[in-house]
């Protein structure tokens, strides 16, 4: 598994196969953190977060949400199972 460490000074969240929603060049993107290419892109932040949540839920991953400046603002962890919960198991809001 590829692992890299986030460079944000206010947190030490390790990024690996988690799902990340971020803003780049005027567009919102969602990708797996172990991939440079997003699997979804668009103008709507809410829509891209919803896509990231679904992927994280079904794969039992964390969903990392960044603001337009690239800072991590929320980290939600999901678990797998026959009927994954719609709510995260843990939620961490950063910088609020």
Foldseek 3Di string as FASTA:
>chain_A
DDWDFDPDPQDTDIADQAWEWADDPQKIFIPGRNDPDGPDIGNDSVVRQVVSLVVQQQVQHKYFYADHVRHTAKIFTWGHDPDTDSHGPDMDGPPD
